[in-house]
C-alpha atoms as a PDB file:
ATOM      1  CA  MET A   1     111.928  18.623 135.819  1.00  0.00           C
ATOM      2  CA  ALA A   2     109.767  21.712 135.253  1.00  0.00           C
ATOM      3  CA  LEU A   3     112.830  23.933 135.030  1.00  0.00           C
ATOM      4  CA  GLY A   4     114.428  21.605 132.516  1.00  0.00           C
ATOM      5  CA  LEU A   5     111.333  21.533 130.321  1.00  0.00           C
ATOM      6  CA  ALA A   6     111.107  25.346 130.362  1.00  0.00           C
ATOM      7  CA  THR A   7     114.758  25.688 129.432  1.00  0.00           C
ATOM      8  CA  ALA A   8     114.393  23.223 126.548  1.00  0.00           C
ATOM      9  CA  LEU A   9     111.289  25.009 125.272  1.00  0.00           C
ATOM     10  CA  ALA A  10     113.026  28.425 125.397  1.00  0.00           C
ATOM     11  CA  VAL A  11     116.022  27.069 123.485  1.00  0.00           C
ATOM     12  CA  ALA A  12     113.754  25.547 120.835  1.00  0.00           C
ATOM     13  CA  VAL A  13     111.806  28.772 120.356  1.00  0.00           C
ATOM     14  CA  THR A  14     114.997  30.849 120.155  1.00  0.00           C
ATOM     15  CA  VAL A  15     116.565  28.515 117.575  1.00  0.00           C
ATOM     16  CA  GLY A  16     113.388  28.452 115.483  1.00  0.00           C
ATOM     17  CA  LEU A  17     113.060  32.233 115.529  1.00  0.00           C
ATOM     18  CA  TYR A  18     116.718  32.657 114.620  1.00  0.00           C
ATOM     19  CA  ARG A  19     116.402  30.349 111.620  1.00  0.00           C
ATOM     20  CA  MET A  20     113.238  32.118 110.446  1.00  0.00           C
ATOM     21  CA  LEU A  21     114.969  35.527 110.602  1.00  0.00           C
ATOM     22  CA  ARG A  22     117.937  34.187 108.640  1.00  0.00           C
ATOM     23  CA  ARG A  23     115.690  32.822 105.912  1.00  0.00           C
ATOM     24  CA  SER A  24     113.876  36.140 105.732  1.00  0.00           C
ATOM     25  CA  ALA A  25     117.110  38.126 105.512  1.00  0.00           C
ATOM     26  CA  GLY A  26     118.659  35.810 102.993  1.00  0.00           C
ATOM     27  CA  GLY A  27     115.582  35.621 100.778  1.00  0.00           C
ATOM     28  CA  HIS A  28     114.718  37.972  97.867  1.00  0.00           C
ATOM     29  CA  PRO A  29     111.834  40.512  98.215  1.00  0.00           C
ATOM     30  CA  GLU A  30     109.078  40.521  95.650  1.00  0.00           C
ATOM     31  CA  LEU A  31     109.877  42.982  92.856  1.00  0.00           C
ATOM     32  CA  THR A  32     107.931  44.852  90.214  1.00  0.00           C
ATOM     33  CA  GLU A  33     108.909  47.181  87.388  1.00  0.00           C
ATOM     34  CA  ILE A  34     108.307  50.906  87.589  1.00  0.00           C
ATOM     35  CA  VAL A  35     109.006  53.800  85.209  1.00  0.00           C
ATOM     36  CA  LEU A  36     111.807  56.187  86.186  1.00  0.00           C
ATOM     37  CA  ALA A  37     113.174  59.388  84.680  1.00  0.00           C
ATOM     38  CA  SER A  38     116.395  58.657  82.819  1.00  0.00           C
ATOM     39  CA  ARG A  39     117.621  62.236  83.349  1.00  0.00           C
ATOM     40  CA  ASP A  40     116.604  65.498  85.038  1.00  0.00           C
ATOM     41  CA  LEU A  41     113.338  66.606  83.457  1.00  0.00           C
ATOM     42  CA  PRO A  42     111.991  70.180  83.773  1.00  0.00           C
ATOM     43  CA  ALA A  43     108.310  70.954  83.985  1.00  0.00           C
ATOM     44  CA  GLY A  44     106.536  71.510  80.681  1.00  0.00           C
ATOM     45  CA  VAL A  45     108.257  68.802  78.628  1.00  0.00           C
ATOM     46  CA  VAL A  46     106.387  66.124  76.714  1.00  0.00           C
ATOM     47  CA  LEU A  47     107.822  62.752  77.732  1.00  0.00           C
ATOM     48  CA  THR A  48     109.557  60.635  75.091  1.00  0.00           C
ATOM     49  CA  SER A  49     111.147  57.192  75.248  1.00  0.00           C
ATOM     50  CA  ASP A  50     114.571  58.816  75.757  1.00  0.00           C
ATOM     51  CA  ASP A  51     113.330  60.422  78.969  1.00  0.00           C
ATOM     52  CA  LEU A  52     112.161  57.163  80.563  1.00  0.00           C
ATOM     53  CA  LYS A  53     113.440  53.780  81.677  1.00  0.00           C
ATOM     54  CA  LEU A  54     112.214  50.731  83.589  1.00  0.00           C
ATOM     55  CA  THR A  55     113.782  49.405  86.754  1.00  0.00           C
ATOM     56  CA  ALA A  56     113.053  46.734  89.332  1.00  0.00           C
ATOM     57  CA  TRP A  57     111.489  48.049  92.524  1.00  0.00           C
ATOM     58  CA  PRO A  58     110.388  46.325  95.756  1.00  0.00           C
ATOM     59  CA  VAL A  59     106.636  45.905  95.790  1.00  0.00           C
ATOM     60  CA  GLY A  60     106.375  46.897  99.421  1.00  0.00           C
ATOM     61  CA  THR A  61     108.006  50.298  98.835  1.00  0.00           C
ATOM     62  CA  ALA A  62     106.417  51.249  95.525  1.00  0.00           C
ATOM     63  CA  LEU A  63     104.909  54.753  95.657  1.00  0.00           C
ATOM     64  CA  PRO A  64     101.199  55.312  94.966  1.00  0.00           C
ATOM     65  CA  GLY A  65     100.532  56.347  91.385  1.00  0.00           C
ATOM     66  CA  TYR A  66     103.579  54.632  89.824  1.00  0.00           C
ATOM     67  CA  PHE A  67     103.572  53.277  86.272  1.00  0.00           C
ATOM     68  CA  SER A  68     104.799  49.842  85.251  1.00  0.00           C
ATOM     69  CA  LYS A  69     104.796  50.440  81.470  1.00  0.00           C
ATOM     70  CA  VAL A  70     106.628  53.137  79.511  1.00  0.00           C
ATOM     71  CA  GLU A  71     103.737  53.266  77.043  1.00  0.00           C
ATOM     72  CA  ASP A  72     101.457  54.575  79.795  1.00  0.00           C
ATOM     73  CA  VAL A  73     103.414  57.838  80.122  1.00  0.00           C
ATOM     74  CA  LEU A  74     104.677  58.441  76.575  1.00  0.00           C
ATOM     75  CA  ASN A  75     103.619  61.798  75.093  1.00  0.00           C
ATOM     76  CA  ARG A  76     102.254  62.946  78.453  1.00  0.00           C
ATOM     77  CA  LEU A  77     103.056  66.465  79.663  1.00  0.00           C
ATOM     78  CA  LEU A  78     105.138  66.829  82.831  1.00  0.00           C
ATOM     79  CA  ILE A  79     103.620  69.411  85.195  1.00  0.00           C
ATOM     80  CA  TYR A  80     106.351  69.354  87.867  1.00  0.00           C
ATOM     81  CA  PRO A  81     110.100  68.776  87.476  1.00  0.00           C
ATOM     82  CA  VAL A  82     111.432  65.280  88.132  1.00  0.00           C
ATOM     83  CA  GLY A  83     115.019  64.350  88.982  1.00  0.00           C
ATOM     84  CA  ALA A  84     117.074  61.604  87.329  1.00  0.00           C
ATOM     85  CA  LYS A  85     116.169  58.075  88.555  1.00  0.00           C
ATOM     86  CA  GLU A  86     113.085  59.447  90.275  1.00  0.00           C
ATOM     87  CA  PRO A  87     109.819  57.524  89.736  1.00  0.00           C
ATOM     88  CA  ILE A  88     107.286  59.058  87.365  1.00  0.00           C
ATOM     89  CA  LEU A  89     104.012  59.350  89.279  1.00  0.00           C
ATOM     90  CA  GLY A  90     100.522  60.192  88.132  1.00  0.00           C
ATOM     91  CA  ARG A  91     100.504  63.426  90.118  1.00  0.00           C
ATOM     92  CA  ASN A  92     103.470  64.671  88.048  1.00  0.00           C
ATOM     93  CA  LEU A  93     101.593  64.401  84.751  1.00  0.00           C
ATOM     94  CA  ALA A  94      98.866  66.403  83.078  1.00  0.00           C
ATOM     95  CA  MET A  95      95.586  64.649  82.471  1.00  0.00           C
ATOM     96  CA  GLN A  96      95.249  63.080  79.051  1.00  0.00           C
ATOM     97  CA  GLY A  97      93.471  65.403  76.632  1.00  0.00           C
ATOM     98  CA  SER A  98      94.010  68.476  78.809  1.00  0.00           C
ATOM     99  CA  GLY A  99      96.244  70.126  76.200  1.00  0.00           C
ATOM    100  CA  LEU A 100      99.838  71.242  76.257  1.00  0.00           C
ATOM    101  CA  GLY A 101     101.751  74.150  77.653  1.00  0.00           C
ATOM    102  CA  LEU A 102     100.536  76.529  80.316  1.00  0.00           C
ATOM    103  CA  SER A 103      96.891  75.438  80.238  1.00  0.00           C
ATOM    104  CA  VAL A 104      97.633  72.247  82.196  1.00  0.00           C
ATOM    105  CA  LYS A 105      98.794  74.320  85.196  1.00  0.00           C
ATOM    106  CA  ILE A 106      95.511  76.235  85.466  1.00  0.00           C
ATOM    107  CA  PRO A 107      93.153  74.690  88.052  1.00  0.00           C
ATOM    108  CA  PRO A 108      89.462  74.437  87.179  1.00  0.00           C
ATOM    109  CA  GLY A 109      87.649  77.730  87.756  1.00  0.00           C
ATOM    110  CA  MET A 110      90.817  79.834  87.509  1.00  0.00           C
ATOM    111  CA  ARG A 111      92.269  81.908  84.657  1.00  0.00           C
ATOM    112  CA  ALA A 112      95.751  82.831  83.440  1.00  0.00           C
ATOM    113  CA  THR A 113      95.878  86.594  82.833  1.00  0.00           C
ATOM    114  CA  SER A 114      98.915  88.328  81.348  1.00  0.00           C
ATOM    115  CA  VAL A 115      99.935  91.965  81.768  1.00  0.00           C
ATOM    116  CA  ARG A 116     102.856  93.946  80.455  1.00  0.00           C
ATOM    117  CA  SER A 117     105.737  94.453  82.835  1.00  0.00           C
ATOM    118  CA  ASN A 118     108.969  96.405  83.086  1.00  0.00           C
ATOM    119  CA  GLU A 119     111.918  96.589  85.486  1.00  0.00           C
ATOM    120  CA  VAL A 120     109.939  98.601  88.021  1.00  0.00           C
ATOM    121  CA  VAL A 121     106.603  96.811  87.724  1.00  0.00           C
ATOM    122  CA  GLY A 122     108.403  93.459  87.830  1.00  0.00           C
ATOM    123  CA  VAL A 123     110.019  94.262  91.217  1.00  0.00           C
ATOM    124  CA  ALA A 124     113.392  94.938  89.569  1.00  0.00           C
ATOM    125  CA  GLY A 125     113.361  91.521  87.903  1.00  0.00           C
ATOM    126  CA  PHE A 126     112.886  89.484  91.075  1.00  0.00           C
ATOM    127  CA  LEU A 127     109.633  87.901  89.994  1.00  0.00           C
ATOM    128  CA  TYR A 128     109.685  84.151  89.419  1.00  0.00           C
ATOM    129  CA  PRO A 129     107.089  81.538  88.548  1.00  0.00           C
ATOM    130  CA  GLY A 130     105.519  80.641  91.863  1.00  0.00           C
ATOM    131  CA  SER A 131     106.056  84.079  93.462  1.00  0.00           C
ATOM    132  CA  ARG A 132     103.186  85.596  95.451  1.00  0.00           C
ATOM    133  CA  VAL A 133     102.368  89.255  94.824  1.00  0.00           C
ATOM    134  CA  ASP A 134      99.876  92.033  95.528  1.00  0.00           C
ATOM    135  CA  VAL A 135      98.773  94.233  92.624  1.00  0.00           C
ATOM    136  CA  LEU A 136      98.445  98.005  93.065  1.00  0.00           C
ATOM    137  CA  ALA A 137      96.818 100.346  90.547  1.00  0.00           C
ATOM    138  CA  THR A 138      97.325 104.115  90.224  1.00  0.00           C
ATOM    139  CA  PHE A 139      94.772 106.123  88.259  1.00  0.00           C
ATOM    140  CA  THR A 140      92.931 109.440  88.139  1.00  0.00           C
ATOM    141  CA  LEU A 141      89.256 109.524  89.001  1.00  0.00           C
ATOM    142  CA  PRO A 142      86.918 111.071  86.375  1.00  0.00           C
ATOM    143  CA  GLY A 143      86.327 114.759  87.021  1.00  0.00           C
ATOM    144  CA  ASN A 144      89.139 114.886  89.569  1.00  0.00           C
ATOM    145  CA  SER A 145      92.775 115.712  88.932  1.00  0.00           C
ATOM    146  CA  ASN A 146      93.853 113.975  92.139  1.00  0.00           C
ATOM    147  CA  SER A 147      95.705 110.644  91.600  1.00  0.00           C
ATOM    148  CA  VAL A 148      94.757 107.616  93.705  1.00  0.00           C
ATOM    149  CA  THR A 149      96.618 104.345  94.390  1.00  0.00           C
ATOM    150  CA  GLN A 150      94.626 101.296  95.502  1.00  0.00           C
ATOM    151  CA  THR A 151      95.518  97.638  96.207  1.00  0.00           C
ATOM    152  CA  ILE A 152      93.201  95.749  93.865  1.00  0.00           C
ATOM    153  CA  LEU A 153      94.505  92.164  94.268  1.00  0.00           C
ATOM    154  CA  GLN A 154      96.236  90.384  97.142  1.00  0.00           C
ATOM    155  CA  ASP A 155      98.240  87.152  97.399  1.00  0.00           C
ATOM    156  CA  VAL A 156      98.028  86.077  93.760  1.00  0.00           C
ATOM    157  CA  GLU A 157     100.373  83.556  92.176  1.00  0.00           C
ATOM    158  CA  VAL A 158     102.758  84.328  89.316  1.00  0.00           C
ATOM    159  CA  LEU A 159     102.365  81.559  86.731  1.00  0.00           C
ATOM    160  CA  THR A 160     104.980  82.612  84.211  1.00  0.00           C
ATOM    161  CA  VAL A 161     107.596  85.305  83.803  1.00  0.00           C
ATOM    162  CA  GLY A 162     108.149  85.936  80.132  1.00  0.00           C
ATOM    163  CA  GLU A 163     108.164  82.478  78.543  1.00  0.00           C
ATOM    164  CA  LYS A 164     109.458  80.654  81.624  1.00  0.00           C
ATOM    165  CA  ILE A 165     107.175  78.495  83.737  1.00  0.00           C
ATOM    166  CA  GLU A 166     109.941  77.441  86.148  1.00  0.00           C
ATOM    167  CA  PRO A 167     112.208  79.707  88.260  1.00  0.00           C
ATOM    168  CA  ASP A 168     115.874  80.082  87.438  1.00  0.00           C
ATOM    169  CA  PRO A 169     117.857  77.455  89.429  1.00  0.00           C
ATOM    170  CA  GLN A 170     120.412  80.093  90.503  1.00  0.00           C
ATOM    171  CA  GLY A 171     117.744  82.664  91.384  1.00  0.00           C
ATOM    172  CA  LYS A 172     119.100  85.071  88.771  1.00  0.00           C
ATOM    173  CA  ALA A 173     117.079  88.275  88.345  1.00  0.00           C
ATOM    174  CA  GLU A 174     115.718  88.899  84.869  1.00  0.00           C
ATOM    175  CA  THR A 175     113.745  91.745  83.318  1.00  0.00           C
ATOM    176  CA  VAL A 176     110.786  90.541  81.234  1.00  0.00           C
ATOM    177  CA  ASN A 177     108.021  92.157  79.211  1.00  0.00           C
ATOM    178  CA  VAL A 178     105.030  90.031  80.246  1.00  0.00           C
ATOM    179  CA  VAL A 179     103.956  88.491  83.555  1.00  0.00           C
ATOM    180  CA  THR A 180     101.113  85.960  83.778  1.00  0.00           C
ATOM    181  CA  LEU A 181      99.063  85.695  86.979  1.00  0.00           C
ATOM    182  CA  LEU A 182      96.709  82.950  88.179  1.00  0.00           C
ATOM    183  CA  LEU A 183      93.392  84.690  88.919  1.00  0.00           C
ATOM    184  CA  ALA A 184      89.714  84.063  89.452  1.00  0.00           C
ATOM    185  CA  PRO A 185      87.476  85.412  86.639  1.00  0.00           C
ATOM    186  CA  GLU A 186      86.424  88.450  88.707  1.00  0.00           C
ATOM    187  CA  GLU A 187      90.060  89.230  89.517  1.00  0.00           C
ATOM    188  CA  SER A 188      90.945  89.047  85.819  1.00  0.00           C
ATOM    189  CA  GLN A 189      88.335  91.737  85.115  1.00  0.00           C
ATOM    190  CA  LYS A 190      89.776  93.994  87.820  1.00  0.00           C
ATOM    191  CA  LEU A 191      93.300  93.615  86.475  1.00  0.00           C
ATOM    192  CA  LEU A 192      92.252  94.309  82.886  1.00  0.00           C
ATOM    193  CA  LEU A 193      90.295  97.428  83.860  1.00  0.00           C
ATOM    194  CA  ALA A 194      93.132  98.760  86.017  1.00  0.00           C
ATOM    195  CA  SER A 195      95.713  98.212  83.270  1.00  0.00           C
ATOM    196  CA  THR A 196      93.624 100.250  80.788  1.00  0.00           C
ATOM    197  CA  GLN A 197      92.808 103.098  83.201  1.00  0.00           C
ATOM    198  CA  GLY A 198      96.221 103.721  84.718  1.00  0.00           C
ATOM    199  CA  SER A 199      99.455 102.049  85.750  1.00  0.00           C
ATOM    200  CA  ILE A 200      99.933  98.893  87.807  1.00  0.00           C
ATOM    201  CA  GLN A 201     102.680  97.801  90.180  1.00  0.00           C
ATOM    202  CA  PHE A 202     103.490  94.387  91.655  1.00  0.00           C
ATOM    203  CA  VAL A 203     104.396  94.185  95.343  1.00  0.00           C
ATOM    204  CA  LEU A 204     106.368  91.065  96.222  1.00  0.00           C
ATOM    205  CA  ARG A 205     105.300  89.256  99.403  1.00  0.00           C
ATOM    206  CA  ASN A 206     106.534  86.312 101.468  1.00  0.00           C
ATOM    207  CA  GLY A 207     105.306  83.037 100.026  1.00  0.00           C
ATOM    208  CA  VAL A 208     103.993  81.824 103.401  1.00  0.00           C
ATOM    209  CA  ASP A 209     102.147  85.087 104.132  1.00  0.00           C
ATOM    210  CA  GLN A 210      98.603  84.475 102.923  1.00  0.00           C
ATOM    211  CA  ALA A 211      96.867  87.130 105.018  1.00  0.00           C
ATOM    212  CA  LYS A 212      94.594  89.557 103.203  1.00  0.00           C
ATOM    213  CA  THR A 213      94.014  92.922 104.837  1.00  0.00           C
ATOM    214  CA  SER A 214      91.690  95.841 104.213  1.00  0.00           C
ATOM    215  CA  VAL A 215      93.722  98.643 102.621  1.00  0.00           C
ATOM    216  CA  ARG A 216      92.328 102.143 102.125  1.00  0.00           C
ATOM    217  CA  PRO A 217      93.240 103.981  98.908  1.00  0.00           C
ATOM    218  CA  THR A 218      95.982 106.590  99.080  1.00  0.00           C
ATOM    219  CA  SER A 219      95.451 109.915  97.274  1.00  0.00           C
ATOM    220  CA  LEU A 220      97.871 112.669  96.419  1.00  0.00           C
ATOM    221  CA  ASP A 221      96.322 115.218  98.784  1.00  0.00           C
ATOM    222  CA  GLN A 222      96.884 112.777 101.675  1.00  0.00           C
ATOM    223  CA  MET A 223     100.612 112.832 100.986  1.00  0.00           C
ATOM    224  CA  LEU A 224     100.706 116.593 100.212  1.00  0.00           C
ATOM    225  CA  PRO A 225      98.187 118.338 102.480  1.00  0.00           C
ATOM    226  CA  GLN A 226      99.356 121.769 101.320  1.00  0.00           C
ATOM    227  CA  ALA A 227      98.121 120.953  97.824  1.00  0.00           C
ATOM    228  CA  LYS A 228      94.513 121.331  98.967  1.00  0.00           C
ATOM    229  CA  GLN A 229      94.806 124.625 100.946  1.00  0.00           C
ATOM    230  CA  THR A 230      91.982 127.117 100.264  1.00  0.00           C
ATOM    231  CA  PRO A 231      93.276 130.154  98.341  1.00  0.00           C
ATOM    232  CA  ALA A 232      92.715 133.659  99.798  1.00  0.00           C
ATOM    233  CA  PRO A 233      89.643 135.478  98.379  1.00  0.00           C
ATOM    234  CA  PRO A 234      90.335 138.257  95.837  1.00  0.00           C
ATOM    235  CA  ALA A 235      90.229 141.922  97.006  1.00  0.00           C
ATOM    236  CA  PRO A 236      86.942 143.715  96.231  1.00  0.00           C
ATOM    237  CA  GLU A 237      86.976 146.216  93.431  1.00  0.00           C
ATOM    238  CA  ASN A 238      84.836 148.863  95.194  1.00  0.00           C
ATOM    239  CA  VAL A 239      84.803 149.575  98.896  1.00  0.00           C
ATOM    240  CA  ASN A 240      82.564 152.299 100.366  1.00  0.00           C
ATOM    241  CA  ILE A 241      83.633 153.632 103.739  1.00  0.00           C
ATOM    242  CA  PRO A 242      80.779 154.940 105.897  1.00  0.00           C
ATOM    243  CA  ALA A 243      80.804 158.649 106.500  1.00  0.00           C
ATOM    244  CA  ALA A 244      81.187 158.280 110.275  1.00  0.00           C
ATOM    245  CA  ALA A 245      84.317 156.133 109.909  1.00  0.00           C
ATOM    246  CA  SER A 246      85.759 158.408 107.256  1.00  0.00           C
ATOM    247  CA  ALA A 247      85.127 161.536 109.296  1.00  0.00           C
ATOM    248  CA  ALA A 248      87.084 160.119 112.217  1.00  0.00           C
ATOM    249  CA  THR A 249      90.221 159.976 110.096  1.00  0.00           C
ATOM    250  CA  ASP A 250      89.542 162.643 107.519  1.00  0.00           C
ATOM    251  CA  PRO A 251      91.365 165.896 108.215  1.00  0.00           C
ATOM    252  CA  ALA A 252      88.676 167.747 106.228  1.00  0.00           C
ATOM    253  CA  GLY A 253      86.317 167.250 109.190  1.00  0.00           C
ATOM    254  CA  PRO A 254      82.624 166.285 109.191  1.00  0.00           C
ATOM    255  CA  ASP A 255      81.877 168.542 106.179  1.00  0.00           C
ATOM    256  CA  GLY A 256      83.622 166.148 103.763  1.00  0.00           C
ATOM    257  CA  LEU A 257      83.310 162.484 102.594  1.00  0.00           C
ATOM    258  CA  GLU A 258      86.143 160.398 101.214  1.00  0.00           C
ATOM    259  CA  ILE A 259      85.095 157.723  98.699  1.00  0.00           C
ATOM    260  CA  ILE A 260      87.482 154.843  97.843  1.00  0.00           C
ATOM    261  CA  ARG A 261      87.002 152.936  94.595  1.00  0.00           C
ATOM    262  CA  GLY A 262      89.718 150.287  94.257  1.00  0.00           C
ATOM    263  CA  ASN A 263      92.984 152.225  94.371  1.00  0.00           C
ATOM    264  CA  THR A 264      91.305 155.594  93.676  1.00  0.00           C
ATOM    265  CA  ARG A 265      90.285 157.995  96.402  1.00  0.00           C
ATOM    266  CA  THR A 266      87.959 161.020  95.874  1.00  0.00           C
ATOM    267  CA  MET A 267      86.746 163.710  98.271  1.00  0.00           C
ATOM    268  CA  GLU A 268      83.243 164.987  98.291  1.00  0.00           C
ATOM    269  CA  LYS A 269      82.652 168.148 100.394  1.00  0.00           C
ATOM    270  CA  PHE A 270      79.340 169.523 101.524  1.00  0.00           C
END
């Protein structure tokens, strides 16, 4: 009897669980509307109604920071690129009233500082927004003709290259005239001073390498030691040879004295 009751109870539980799972699978999940990108959107664009669309989305899988109304994101600036049919999230948008353009990518307390560049300074064109670089300056110290090169900034971020705030999708190298770096106020002062006193050079570094090391300045005489050799002293104009030394070599004997003035020799006899 006990075995029969246990078997009946197990069958009842199994059937009930099976029916509950079927109802759950066959039912419809709760949905909400969220705002998606209607096409691929690059960073820096101001969102319009043509860039956005609404779609149904399961409530349980909605991402934090989503928007349910297109009006909530219209005329907002996109900080990061968004792919087609990808949800528009609050973290992708600039804060309202923060302005347009590059200023929205500058964190509080930091500054965007631009310097002129060329093919050499710009690492042969392989600088992109988001690159990490060191900045070297070469200048001549006051009162010294010896040139010195010093690393003045390490591991700084490139904000823009020319007018681009996003890297080329194909990684194509491009020579530009201006590079903008993200710097602290004190670093901006260093860069400005170095650019007015001499020449600067960017050194490209691995994006995951954030180590900062102590680097001693390099001067020209370190690379060319022979450039600082001490010159030989000039020959004296007048040399007087003592009488004893002159007599030892003078065929005139001890009764004469040879006097040397520069290249002129004279004999004085007693």
